[in-house]
């Protein structure tokens, strides 16, 4: 997994999660505003705009998770899982709509399950 995709995924998820907690922003506005801003920055820097924007936009789906259920730790783990899914799962989902969304959904679900199992294990430990 490339470190640049991981960092962009973390940046997209965390920034969306934090911005969505603001008064005038909800999850959809945060995702769309940050995605437009990221596109402009990637285009000005002359990076691989299409690839990096896809990663950033997909990771904003992770950041749209409900702050009542998810903390910053689960958002970070979900962003890492999303970067893995983006690199290894999405190439096999060509022709299917919603590949970014399903990757974000799977990463959030797996992260949530991991934290629930960890809490259950800690409750059994003396």
C-alpha atoms as a PDB file:
ATOM      1  CA  UNK A   1       0.000   0.000   0.000  1.00  0.00           C
ATOM      2  CA  UNK A   2       1.374   3.385  -0.915  1.00  0.00           C
ATOM      3  CA  UNK A   3       1.849   5.912   1.863  1.00  0.00           C
ATOM      4  CA  UNK A   4       0.438   8.799  -0.172  1.00  0.00           C
ATOM      5  CA  UNK A   5      -2.932   7.067  -0.569  1.00  0.00           C
ATOM      6  CA  UNK A   6      -2.955   6.267   3.144  1.00  0.00           C
ATOM      7  CA  UNK A   7      -2.226   9.881   4.120  1.00  0.00           C
ATOM      8  CA  UNK A   8      -4.843  11.261   1.735  1.00  0.00           C
ATOM      9  CA  UNK A   9      -7.388   8.789   3.066  1.00  0.00           C
ATOM     10  CA  UNK A  10      -6.648   9.796   6.652  1.00  0.00           C
ATOM     11  CA  UNK A  11      -6.814  13.481   5.752  1.00  0.00           C
ATOM     12  CA  UNK A  12     -10.151  13.109   3.967  1.00  0.00           C
ATOM     13  CA  UNK A  13     -11.816  11.052   6.679  1.00  0.00           C
ATOM     14  CA  UNK A  14     -10.587  13.056   9.666  1.00  0.00           C
ATOM     15  CA  UNK A  15     -11.230  16.468   8.120  1.00  0.00           C
ATOM     16  CA  UNK A  16     -14.766  15.478   7.083  1.00  0.00           C
ATOM     17  CA  UNK A  17     -15.478  13.988  10.513  1.00  0.00           C
ATOM     18  CA  UNK A  18     -14.282  17.117  12.316  1.00  0.00           C
ATOM     19  CA  UNK A  19     -15.937  19.594   9.945  1.00  0.00           C
ATOM     20  CA  UNK A  20     -19.265  17.765  10.094  1.00  0.00           C
ATOM     21  CA  UNK A  21     -19.358  18.414  13.839  1.00  0.00           C
ATOM     22  CA  UNK A  22     -19.477  22.198  13.250  1.00  0.00           C
ATOM     23  CA  UNK A  23     -22.727  24.159  13.543  1.00  0.00           C
ATOM     24  CA  UNK A  24     -23.274  25.159   9.924  1.00  0.00           C
ATOM     25  CA  UNK A  25     -21.999  21.939   8.422  1.00  0.00           C
ATOM     26  CA  UNK A  26     -23.496  18.509   8.225  1.00  0.00           C
ATOM     27  CA  UNK A  27     -21.790  15.409   6.838  1.00  0.00           C
ATOM     28  CA  UNK A  28     -22.870  16.005   3.236  1.00  0.00           C
ATOM     29  CA  UNK A  29     -21.789  19.644   3.152  1.00  0.00           C
ATOM     30  CA  UNK A  30     -18.474  18.794   4.783  1.00  0.00           C
ATOM     31  CA  UNK A  31     -17.799  16.031   2.261  1.00  0.00           C
ATOM     32  CA  UNK A  32     -18.694  18.113  -0.767  1.00  0.00           C
ATOM     33  CA  UNK A  33     -16.844  21.269   0.316  1.00  0.00           C
ATOM     34  CA  UNK A  34     -13.698  19.399   1.256  1.00  0.00           C
ATOM     35  CA  UNK A  35     -13.777  17.341  -1.957  1.00  0.00           C
ATOM     36  CA  UNK A  36     -13.992  20.483  -4.092  1.00  0.00           C
ATOM     37  CA  UNK A  37     -11.180  22.081  -2.097  1.00  0.00           C
ATOM     38  CA  UNK A  38      -9.033  18.955  -2.418  1.00  0.00           C
ATOM     39  CA  UNK A  39      -9.604  18.850  -6.183  1.00  0.00           C
ATOM     40  CA  UNK A  40      -8.419  22.434  -6.490  1.00  0.00           C
ATOM     41  CA  UNK A  41      -5.322  21.781  -4.399  1.00  0.00           C
ATOM     42  CA  UNK A  42      -4.386  18.568  -6.216  1.00  0.00           C
ATOM     43  CA  UNK A  43      -4.896  20.300  -9.557  1.00  0.00           C
ATOM     44  CA  UNK A  44      -2.761  23.312  -8.578  1.00  0.00           C
ATOM     45  CA  UNK A  45       0.036  21.135  -7.219  1.00  0.00           C
ATOM     46  CA  UNK A  46      -0.153  19.112 -10.456  1.00  0.00           C
ATOM     47  CA  UNK A  47      -0.350  15.724  -8.771  1.00  0.00           C
ATOM     48  CA  UNK A  48      -2.241  12.715 -10.084  1.00  0.00           C
ATOM     49  CA  UNK A  49      -5.495  14.620  -9.669  1.00  0.00           C
ATOM     50  CA  UNK A  50      -7.898  11.883 -10.729  1.00  0.00           C
ATOM     51  CA  UNK A  51      -6.445   9.196  -8.457  1.00  0.00           C
ATOM     52  CA  UNK A  52      -5.950  11.403  -5.412  1.00  0.00           C
ATOM     53  CA  UNK A  53      -9.401  12.961  -5.739  1.00  0.00           C
ATOM     54  CA  UNK A  54     -10.993   9.514  -5.863  1.00  0.00           C
ATOM     55  CA  UNK A  55      -9.174   8.497  -2.698  1.00  0.00           C
ATOM     56  CA  UNK A  56     -10.038  11.745  -0.934  1.00  0.00           C
ATOM     57  CA  UNK A  57     -13.685  11.674  -2.001  1.00  0.00           C
ATOM     58  CA  UNK A  58     -14.091   8.036  -0.979  1.00  0.00           C
ATOM     59  CA  UNK A  59     -12.485   8.663   2.376  1.00  0.00           C
ATOM     60  CA  UNK A  60     -14.925  11.501   3.040  1.00  0.00           C
ATOM     61  CA  UNK A  61     -17.611   8.799   3.045  1.00  0.00           C
ATOM     62  CA  UNK A  62     -15.773   7.284   5.999  1.00  0.00           C
ATOM     63  CA  UNK A  63     -15.700  10.689   7.697  1.00  0.00           C
ATOM     64  CA  UNK A  64     -19.458  11.004   7.270  1.00  0.00           C
ATOM     65  CA  UNK A  65     -19.938   8.365   9.985  1.00  0.00           C
ATOM     66  CA  UNK A  66     -22.085   9.388  12.935  1.00  0.00           C
ATOM     67  CA  UNK A  67     -20.014  11.081  15.659  1.00  0.00           C
ATOM     68  CA  UNK A  68     -22.370   9.600  18.269  1.00  0.00           C
ATOM     69  CA  UNK A  69     -21.243   6.060  17.451  1.00  0.00           C
ATOM     70  CA  UNK A  70     -17.702   6.609  16.209  1.00  0.00           C
ATOM     71  CA  UNK A  71     -14.727   8.357  17.713  1.00  0.00           C
ATOM     72  CA  UNK A  72     -11.575   9.612  16.097  1.00  0.00           C
ATOM     73  CA  UNK A  73      -9.855   6.241  16.686  1.00  0.00           C
ATOM     74  CA  UNK A  74     -12.443   4.299  14.706  1.00  0.00           C
ATOM     75  CA  UNK A  75     -12.409   6.922  11.955  1.00  0.00           C
ATOM     76  CA  UNK A  76      -8.625   6.559  11.654  1.00  0.00           C
ATOM     77  CA  UNK A  77      -8.812   2.765  11.534  1.00  0.00           C
ATOM     78  CA  UNK A  78     -11.613   2.983   8.968  1.00  0.00           C
ATOM     79  CA  UNK A  79      -9.542   5.349   6.831  1.00  0.00           C
ATOM     80  CA  UNK A  80      -6.616   2.920   6.854  1.00  0.00           C
ATOM     81  CA  UNK A  81      -8.939   0.066   5.897  1.00  0.00           C
ATOM     82  CA  UNK A  82     -10.457   2.222   3.151  1.00  0.00           C
ATOM     83  CA  UNK A  83      -6.988   2.861   1.693  1.00  0.00           C
ATOM     84  CA  UNK A  84      -6.386  -0.900   1.653  1.00  0.00           C
ATOM     85  CA  UNK A  85      -9.745  -1.565   0.007  1.00  0.00           C
ATOM     86  CA  UNK A  86      -9.110   1.208  -2.502  1.00  0.00           C
ATOM     87  CA  UNK A  87      -5.839  -0.322  -3.541  1.00  0.00           C
ATOM     88  CA  UNK A  88      -6.813  -4.004  -3.541  1.00  0.00           C
ATOM     89  CA  UNK A  89     -10.614  -4.283  -3.835  1.00  0.00           C
ATOM     90  CA  UNK A  90     -11.738  -1.463  -6.123  1.00  0.00           C
ATOM     91  CA  UNK A  91      -9.714  -2.661  -9.158  1.00  0.00           C
ATOM     92  CA  UNK A  92     -11.788  -5.862  -9.058  1.00  0.00           C
ATOM     93  CA  UNK A  93     -15.087  -3.955  -8.922  1.00  0.00           C
ATOM     94  CA  UNK A  94     -14.850  -2.375 -12.361  1.00  0.00           C
ATOM     95  CA  UNK A  95     -18.206  -1.863 -13.972  1.00  0.00           C
ATOM     96  CA  UNK A  96     -20.003  -1.802 -10.635  1.00  0.00           C
ATOM     97  CA  UNK A  97     -21.419   1.471  -9.408  1.00  0.00           C
ATOM     98  CA  UNK A  98     -20.712   2.515  -5.864  1.00  0.00           C
ATOM     99  CA  UNK A  99     -17.262   0.973  -5.473  1.00  0.00           C
ATOM    100  CA  UNK A 100     -16.106   3.889  -3.315  1.00  0.00           C
ATOM    101  CA  UNK A 101     -19.221   3.709  -1.174  1.00  0.00           C
ATOM    102  CA  UNK A 102     -19.041  -0.038  -0.632  1.00  0.00           C
ATOM    103  CA  UNK A 103     -15.364   0.228   0.268  1.00  0.00           C
ATOM    104  CA  UNK A 104     -16.130   2.962   2.799  1.00  0.00           C
ATOM    105  CA  UNK A 105     -19.052   0.968   4.185  1.00  0.00           C
ATOM    106  CA  UNK A 106     -16.949  -2.174   4.600  1.00  0.00           C
ATOM    107  CA  UNK A 107     -14.127  -0.288   6.264  1.00  0.00           C
ATOM    108  CA  UNK A 108     -16.467   1.392   8.769  1.00  0.00           C
ATOM    109  CA  UNK A 109     -18.239  -1.906   9.506  1.00  0.00           C
ATOM    110  CA  UNK A 110     -14.995  -3.789  10.052  1.00  0.00           C
ATOM    111  CA  UNK A 111     -13.655  -1.009  12.251  1.00  0.00           C
ATOM    112  CA  UNK A 112     -16.830  -0.951  14.334  1.00  0.00           C
ATOM    113  CA  UNK A 113     -16.797  -4.741  14.717  1.00  0.00           C
ATOM    114  CA  UNK A 114     -13.124  -4.640  15.750  1.00  0.00           C
ATOM    115  CA  UNK A 115     -13.814  -2.070  18.466  1.00  0.00           C
ATOM    116  CA  UNK A 116     -16.860  -4.011  19.706  1.00  0.00           C
ATOM    117  CA  UNK A 117     -14.822  -7.227  19.900  1.00  0.00           C
ATOM    118  CA  UNK A 118     -12.016  -5.418  21.677  1.00  0.00           C
ATOM    119  CA  UNK A 119     -14.479  -4.059  24.256  1.00  0.00           C
ATOM    120  CA  UNK A 120     -15.936  -7.534  24.732  1.00  0.00           C
ATOM    121  CA  UNK A 121     -12.484  -9.051  25.229  1.00  0.00           C
ATOM    122  CA  UNK A 122     -11.587  -6.335  27.756  1.00  0.00           C
ATOM    123  CA  UNK A 123     -14.765  -7.038  29.708  1.00  0.00           C
ATOM    124  CA  UNK A 124     -13.734 -10.692  30.161  1.00  0.00           C
ATOM    125  CA  UNK A 125     -10.185  -9.875  31.233  1.00  0.00           C
ATOM    126  CA  UNK A 126      -9.621  -9.481  34.985  1.00  0.00           C
END
